[in-house]
C-alpha atoms as a PDB file:
ATOM      1  CA  UNK A   1       0.000   0.000   0.000  1.00  0.00           C
ATOM      2  CA  UNK A   2       1.234   3.491  -0.844  1.00  0.00           C
ATOM      3  CA  UNK A   3       1.467   6.189   1.836  1.00  0.00           C
ATOM      4  CA  UNK A   4      -1.047   9.027   1.674  1.00  0.00           C
ATOM      5  CA  UNK A   5      -0.724  12.723   2.581  1.00  0.00           C
ATOM      6  CA  UNK A   6      -1.046  13.313   6.270  1.00  0.00           C
ATOM      7  CA  UNK A   7      -4.151  15.138   7.254  1.00  0.00           C
ATOM      8  CA  UNK A   8      -5.831  15.084   3.815  1.00  0.00           C
ATOM      9  CA  UNK A   9      -7.344  12.233   2.001  1.00  0.00           C
ATOM     10  CA  UNK A  10      -7.603  13.042  -1.649  1.00  0.00           C
ATOM     11  CA  UNK A  11      -8.280   9.597  -2.943  1.00  0.00           C
ATOM     12  CA  UNK A  12      -4.968   9.581  -4.844  1.00  0.00           C
ATOM     13  CA  UNK A  13      -1.996   7.712  -3.600  1.00  0.00           C
ATOM     14  CA  UNK A  14       1.376   9.466  -3.586  1.00  0.00           C
ATOM     15  CA  UNK A  15       4.330   7.413  -4.771  1.00  0.00           C
ATOM     16  CA  UNK A  16       7.612   7.543  -2.988  1.00  0.00           C
ATOM     17  CA  UNK A  17      10.852   8.415  -4.844  1.00  0.00           C
ATOM     18  CA  UNK A  18      12.120   4.846  -5.552  1.00  0.00           C
ATOM     19  CA  UNK A  19       8.762   3.794  -6.956  1.00  0.00           C
ATOM     20  CA  UNK A  20       8.534   6.885  -9.163  1.00  0.00           C
ATOM     21  CA  UNK A  21      11.949   6.100 -10.732  1.00  0.00           C
ATOM     22  CA  UNK A  22      10.884   2.586 -11.651  1.00  0.00           C
ATOM     23  CA  UNK A  23       7.628   3.920 -13.112  1.00  0.00           C
ATOM     24  CA  UNK A  24       9.599   6.473 -15.133  1.00  0.00           C
ATOM     25  CA  UNK A  25      11.822   3.709 -16.510  1.00  0.00           C
ATOM     26  CA  UNK A  26       8.771   1.650 -17.381  1.00  0.00           C
ATOM     27  CA  UNK A  27       7.188   4.550 -19.247  1.00  0.00           C
ATOM     28  CA  UNK A  28      10.441   5.199 -21.165  1.00  0.00           C
ATOM     29  CA  UNK A  29      10.710   1.545 -22.208  1.00  0.00           C
ATOM     30  CA  UNK A  30       7.105   1.473 -23.374  1.00  0.00           C
ATOM     31  CA  UNK A  31       7.537   4.658 -25.419  1.00  0.00           C
ATOM     32  CA  UNK A  32      10.737   3.365 -27.065  1.00  0.00           C
ATOM     33  CA  UNK A  33       9.007   0.104 -27.977  1.00  0.00           C
ATOM     34  CA  UNK A  34       6.023   1.984 -29.377  1.00  0.00           C
ATOM     35  CA  UNK A  35       8.310   4.187 -31.494  1.00  0.00           C
ATOM     36  CA  UNK A  36      10.180   1.146 -32.832  1.00  0.00           C
ATOM     37  CA  UNK A  37       6.910  -0.569 -33.699  1.00  0.00           C
ATOM     38  CA  UNK A  38       5.658   2.481 -35.586  1.00  0.00           C
ATOM     39  CA  UNK A  39       8.929   2.737 -37.563  1.00  0.00           C
ATOM     40  CA  UNK A  40       8.770  -0.956 -38.415  1.00  0.00           C
ATOM     41  CA  UNK A  41       5.170  -0.598 -39.543  1.00  0.00           C
ATOM     42  CA  UNK A  42       6.082   2.284 -41.882  1.00  0.00           C
ATOM     43  CA  UNK A  43       8.834   0.440 -43.798  1.00  0.00           C
ATOM     44  CA  UNK A  44       7.548  -2.255 -46.132  1.00  0.00           C
ATOM     45  CA  UNK A  45       8.783  -5.791 -45.700  1.00  0.00           C
ATOM     46  CA  UNK A  46      10.977  -6.859 -48.602  1.00  0.00           C
ATOM     47  CA  UNK A  47       9.628  -9.694 -50.686  1.00  0.00           C
ATOM     48  CA  UNK A  48      12.177 -12.221 -51.894  1.00  0.00           C
ATOM     49  CA  UNK A  49      12.696 -12.604 -55.599  1.00  0.00           C
ATOM     50  CA  UNK A  50      11.171 -15.810 -56.875  1.00  0.00           C
ATOM     51  CA  UNK A  51      13.605 -18.567 -57.627  1.00  0.00           C
ATOM     52  CA  UNK A  52      13.735 -19.565 -61.252  1.00  0.00           C
ATOM     53  CA  UNK A  53      12.644 -23.038 -62.162  1.00  0.00           C
ATOM     54  CA  UNK A  54      14.541 -25.018 -64.706  1.00  0.00           C
ATOM     55  CA  UNK A  55      16.373 -23.560 -67.652  1.00  0.00           C
ATOM     56  CA  UNK A  56      13.711 -25.021 -69.952  1.00  0.00           C
ATOM     57  CA  UNK A  57      10.968 -23.188 -68.018  1.00  0.00           C
ATOM     58  CA  UNK A  58      12.879 -19.939 -68.354  1.00  0.00           C
ATOM     59  CA  UNK A  59      13.443 -20.514 -72.057  1.00  0.00           C
ATOM     60  CA  UNK A  60       9.738 -21.221 -72.616  1.00  0.00           C
ATOM     61  CA  UNK A  61       8.883 -17.729 -71.295  1.00  0.00           C
ATOM     62  CA  UNK A  62      11.589 -16.026 -73.364  1.00  0.00           C
ATOM     63  CA  UNK A  63      10.987 -14.911 -76.933  1.00  0.00           C
ATOM     64  CA  UNK A  64      13.836 -14.319 -79.322  1.00  0.00           C
ATOM     65  CA  UNK A  65      14.175 -11.388 -81.637  1.00  0.00           C
ATOM     66  CA  UNK A  66      14.121 -13.139 -85.005  1.00  0.00           C
ATOM     67  CA  UNK A  67      11.980 -11.128 -87.418  1.00  0.00           C
ATOM     68  CA  UNK A  68      14.166 -11.604 -90.485  1.00  0.00           C
ATOM     69  CA  UNK A  69      14.330 -15.395 -90.383  1.00  0.00           C
ATOM     70  CA  UNK A  70      10.731 -16.278 -89.548  1.00  0.00           C
ATOM     71  CA  UNK A  71       8.569 -17.504 -92.395  1.00  0.00           C
ATOM     72  CA  UNK A  72       4.775 -17.588 -92.543  1.00  0.00           C
ATOM     73  CA  UNK A  73       4.555 -20.785 -90.448  1.00  0.00           C
ATOM     74  CA  UNK A  74       6.500 -19.121 -87.596  1.00  0.00           C
ATOM     75  CA  UNK A  75       9.518 -21.402 -88.026  1.00  0.00           C
ATOM     76  CA  UNK A  76      13.074 -20.186 -88.068  1.00  0.00           C
ATOM     77  CA  UNK A  77      14.500 -20.641 -91.553  1.00  0.00           C
ATOM     78  CA  UNK A  78      18.200 -20.191 -92.165  1.00  0.00           C
ATOM     79  CA  UNK A  79      19.023 -19.451 -95.770  1.00  0.00           C
ATOM     80  CA  UNK A  80      22.145 -18.246 -97.523  1.00  0.00           C
ATOM     81  CA  UNK A  81      20.697 -14.740 -97.576  1.00  0.00           C
ATOM     82  CA  UNK A  82      19.966 -14.400 -93.873  1.00  0.00           C
ATOM     83  CA  UNK A  83      23.069 -16.391 -92.913  1.00  0.00           C
ATOM     84  CA  UNK A  84      25.185 -13.480 -94.100  1.00  0.00           C
ATOM     85  CA  UNK A  85      23.209 -11.156 -91.818  1.00  0.00           C
ATOM     86  CA  UNK A  86      23.619 -13.550 -88.874  1.00  0.00           C
ATOM     87  CA  UNK A  87      27.344 -13.940 -89.596  1.00  0.00           C
ATOM     88  CA  UNK A  88      27.898 -10.178 -89.439  1.00  0.00           C
ATOM     89  CA  UNK A  89      27.659 -10.378 -85.640  1.00  0.00           C
ATOM     90  CA  UNK A  90      29.980 -13.354 -85.245  1.00  0.00           C
ATOM     91  CA  UNK A  91      31.971 -16.037 -86.995  1.00  0.00           C
ATOM     92  CA  UNK A  92      30.163 -18.690 -88.990  1.00  0.00           C
ATOM     93  CA  UNK A  93      32.012 -21.471 -90.770  1.00  0.00           C
ATOM     94  CA  UNK A  94      30.473 -22.681 -94.012  1.00  0.00           C
ATOM     95  CA  UNK A  95      31.412 -26.209 -95.038  1.00  0.00           C
ATOM     96  CA  UNK A  96      34.540 -27.794 -93.658  1.00  0.00           C
ATOM     97  CA  UNK A  97      37.031 -25.929 -91.506  1.00  0.00           C
ATOM     98  CA  UNK A  98      40.248 -24.826 -93.086  1.00  0.00           C
ATOM     99  CA  UNK A  99      43.526 -24.888 -91.160  1.00  0.00           C
ATOM    100  CA  UNK A 100      45.209 -22.365 -93.478  1.00  0.00           C
ATOM    101  CA  UNK A 101      48.012 -24.766 -94.308  1.00  0.00           C
ATOM    102  CA  UNK A 102      48.946 -25.430 -90.675  1.00  0.00           C
ATOM    103  CA  UNK A 103      49.767 -29.019 -89.921  1.00  0.00           C
ATOM    104  CA  UNK A 104      47.602 -30.692 -87.296  1.00  0.00           C
ATOM    105  CA  UNK A 105      49.269 -30.811 -83.899  1.00  0.00           C
ATOM    106  CA  UNK A 106      50.823 -34.149 -83.168  1.00  0.00           C
ATOM    107  CA  UNK A 107      50.561 -35.807 -79.809  1.00  0.00           C
ATOM    108  CA  UNK A 108      53.917 -36.036 -78.027  1.00  0.00           C
ATOM    109  CA  UNK A 109      55.251 -39.522 -77.529  1.00  0.00           C
ATOM    110  CA  UNK A 110      56.500 -41.119 -74.308  1.00  0.00           C
ATOM    111  CA  UNK A 111      60.131 -40.170 -74.968  1.00  0.00           C
ATOM    112  CA  UNK A 112      59.175 -36.504 -75.374  1.00  0.00           C
ATOM    113  CA  UNK A 113      57.178 -36.650 -72.153  1.00  0.00           C
ATOM    114  CA  UNK A 114      60.084 -38.247 -70.295  1.00  0.00           C
ATOM    115  CA  UNK A 115      62.486 -35.591 -71.602  1.00  0.00           C
ATOM    116  CA  UNK A 116      60.314 -32.672 -70.431  1.00  0.00           C
ATOM    117  CA  UNK A 117      59.587 -34.283 -67.068  1.00  0.00           C
ATOM    118  CA  UNK A 118      63.308 -34.893 -66.517  1.00  0.00           C
ATOM    119  CA  UNK A 119      64.137 -31.241 -67.302  1.00  0.00           C
ATOM    120  CA  UNK A 120      61.329 -30.019 -65.045  1.00  0.00           C
ATOM    121  CA  UNK A 121      62.276 -32.155 -62.029  1.00  0.00           C
ATOM    122  CA  UNK A 122      65.993 -31.418 -62.495  1.00  0.00           C
ATOM    123  CA  UNK A 123      65.229 -27.687 -62.344  1.00  0.00           C
ATOM    124  CA  UNK A 124      63.073 -28.209 -59.249  1.00  0.00           C
ATOM    125  CA  UNK A 125      66.032 -29.967 -57.593  1.00  0.00           C
ATOM    126  CA  UNK A 126      68.272 -26.993 -58.449  1.00  0.00           C
ATOM    127  CA  UNK A 127      65.771 -24.627 -56.804  1.00  0.00           C
ATOM    128  CA  UNK A 128      65.514 -26.870 -53.724  1.00  0.00           C
ATOM    129  CA  UNK A 129      69.337 -26.884 -53.402  1.00  0.00           C
ATOM    130  CA  UNK A 130      69.549 -23.083 -53.498  1.00  0.00           C
ATOM    131  CA  UNK A 131      66.696 -22.812 -50.979  1.00  0.00           C
ATOM    132  CA  UNK A 132      68.561 -25.198 -48.626  1.00  0.00           C
ATOM    133  CA  UNK A 133      71.671 -23.005 -48.873  1.00  0.00           C
ATOM    134  CA  UNK A 134      69.547 -19.931 -48.081  1.00  0.00           C
ATOM    135  CA  UNK A 135      68.033 -21.696 -45.035  1.00  0.00           C
ATOM    136  CA  UNK A 136      71.486 -22.592 -43.691  1.00  0.00           C
ATOM    137  CA  UNK A 137      72.610 -19.009 -44.224  1.00  0.00           C
ATOM    138  CA  UNK A 138      69.563 -17.710 -42.323  1.00  0.00           C
ATOM    139  CA  UNK A 139      70.491 -19.965 -39.391  1.00  0.00           C
ATOM    140  CA  UNK A 140      74.035 -18.588 -39.486  1.00  0.00           C
ATOM    141  CA  UNK A 141      72.704 -14.994 -39.526  1.00  0.00           C
ATOM    142  CA  UNK A 142      70.497 -15.759 -36.509  1.00  0.00           C
ATOM    143  CA  UNK A 143      73.510 -17.159 -34.616  1.00  0.00           C
ATOM    144  CA  UNK A 144      75.616 -14.096 -35.404  1.00  0.00           C
ATOM    145  CA  UNK A 145      72.837 -11.764 -34.259  1.00  0.00           C
ATOM    146  CA  UNK A 146      72.382 -13.739 -31.010  1.00  0.00           C
ATOM    147  CA  UNK A 147      76.088 -13.349 -30.119  1.00  0.00           C
ATOM    148  CA  UNK A 148      77.983 -10.248 -29.150  1.00  0.00           C
ATOM    149  CA  UNK A 149      78.037  -7.610 -31.824  1.00  0.00           C
ATOM    150  CA  UNK A 150      81.764  -7.053 -32.058  1.00  0.00           C
ATOM    151  CA  UNK A 151      83.310  -5.441 -35.142  1.00  0.00           C
ATOM    152  CA  UNK A 152      84.367  -8.879 -36.372  1.00  0.00           C
ATOM    153  CA  UNK A 153      80.824 -10.293 -35.939  1.00  0.00           C
ATOM    154  CA  UNK A 154      79.316  -7.231 -37.628  1.00  0.00           C
ATOM    155  CA  UNK A 155      81.564  -7.835 -40.644  1.00  0.00           C
ATOM    156  CA  UNK A 156      80.513 -11.514 -40.709  1.00  0.00           C
ATOM    157  CA  UNK A 157      76.864 -10.415 -40.489  1.00  0.00           C
ATOM    158  CA  UNK A 158      77.268  -8.034 -43.445  1.00  0.00           C
ATOM    159  CA  UNK A 159      78.903 -10.776 -45.560  1.00  0.00           C
ATOM    160  CA  UNK A 160      76.164 -13.271 -44.653  1.00  0.00           C
ATOM    161  CA  UNK A 161      73.379 -10.804 -45.489  1.00  0.00           C
ATOM    162  CA  UNK A 162      75.039 -10.037 -48.838  1.00  0.00           C
ATOM    163  CA  UNK A 163      75.184 -13.780 -49.585  1.00  0.00           C
ATOM    164  CA  UNK A 164      71.504 -14.064 -48.646  1.00  0.00           C
ATOM    165  CA  UNK A 165      70.594 -11.335 -51.155  1.00  0.00           C
ATOM    166  CA  UNK A 166      72.578 -13.130 -53.858  1.00  0.00           C
ATOM    167  CA  UNK A 167      70.819 -16.408 -53.045  1.00  0.00           C
ATOM    168  CA  UNK A 168      67.392 -14.711 -53.206  1.00  0.00           C
ATOM    169  CA  UNK A 169      68.226 -13.394 -56.673  1.00  0.00           C
ATOM    170  CA  UNK A 170      69.454 -16.851 -57.716  1.00  0.00           C
ATOM    171  CA  UNK A 171      66.206 -18.447 -56.490  1.00  0.00           C
ATOM    172  CA  UNK A 172      64.167 -15.933 -58.538  1.00  0.00           C
ATOM    173  CA  UNK A 173      66.287 -16.682 -61.615  1.00  0.00           C
ATOM    174  CA  UNK A 174      65.978 -20.463 -61.203  1.00  0.00           C
ATOM    175  CA  UNK A 175      62.195 -20.210 -60.764  1.00  0.00           C
ATOM    176  CA  UNK A 176      62.082 -18.191 -63.980  1.00  0.00           C
ATOM    177  CA  UNK A 177      63.993 -20.972 -65.709  1.00  0.00           C
ATOM    178  CA  UNK A 178      61.486 -23.505 -64.396  1.00  0.00           C
ATOM    179  CA  UNK A 179      58.637 -21.422 -65.818  1.00  0.00           C
ATOM    180  CA  UNK A 180      60.450 -21.279 -69.185  1.00  0.00           C
ATOM    181  CA  UNK A 181      60.752 -25.064 -69.220  1.00  0.00           C
ATOM    182  CA  UNK A 182      57.015 -25.440 -68.570  1.00  0.00           C
ATOM    183  CA  UNK A 183      56.101 -22.883 -71.268  1.00  0.00           C
ATOM    184  CA  UNK A 184      58.359 -24.530 -73.828  1.00  0.00           C
ATOM    185  CA  UNK A 185      57.013 -27.982 -72.969  1.00  0.00           C
ATOM    186  CA  UNK A 186      53.436 -26.728 -73.373  1.00  0.00           C
ATOM    187  CA  UNK A 187      54.312 -25.363 -76.816  1.00  0.00           C
ATOM    188  CA  UNK A 188      55.463 -28.850 -77.729  1.00  0.00           C
ATOM    189  CA  UNK A 189      52.238 -30.479 -76.537  1.00  0.00           C
ATOM    190  CA  UNK A 190      52.885 -31.115 -72.846  1.00  0.00           C
ATOM    191  CA  UNK A 191      49.847 -31.685 -70.666  1.00  0.00           C
ATOM    192  CA  UNK A 192      49.479 -30.186 -67.160  1.00  0.00           C
ATOM    193  CA  UNK A 193      49.617 -33.614 -65.493  1.00  0.00           C
ATOM    194  CA  UNK A 194      53.164 -34.187 -66.696  1.00  0.00           C
ATOM    195  CA  UNK A 195      54.640 -31.887 -64.056  1.00  0.00           C
ATOM    196  CA  UNK A 196      52.927 -33.271 -60.961  1.00  0.00           C
END
């Protein structure tokens, strides 16, 4: 029960301070919820785009622009006359295909495949060897840096870092050579599976 004013009975209860704060919070929450509901009611709910059925169903609803090739029975007729018009937008081959004197590409034999694979894997071994040398040099650089930095060790560190730069350049060069081998092999009919 709420306390009433002393001496007067007005029929209205007077709230104490803690109860009035909770009522104020309740009123604020209700007004925020009402405002959010009115904003949500104003914005329309998006409707998802319908999913297409099959490609055949889509094609049955689609009409092509073909006024020049349609005859009286509404069939598409391709003639020599309208073929020239159709060919203006793309390439159409009439009759058999001509190779313009180029010989058909021959399939490489097993010996050719073995030769290209051998060159490829040999070059990969060269790259792996240079990378091992670079790894050993990096370990040596780490050891020099962990020790005391005397003038002698600083000179060793400079020489090791210079060697590391040279090895990085050598690795880039050897990888370029590997790419050249692959390109040349592909020109001679190599398939991607040969180098796995």
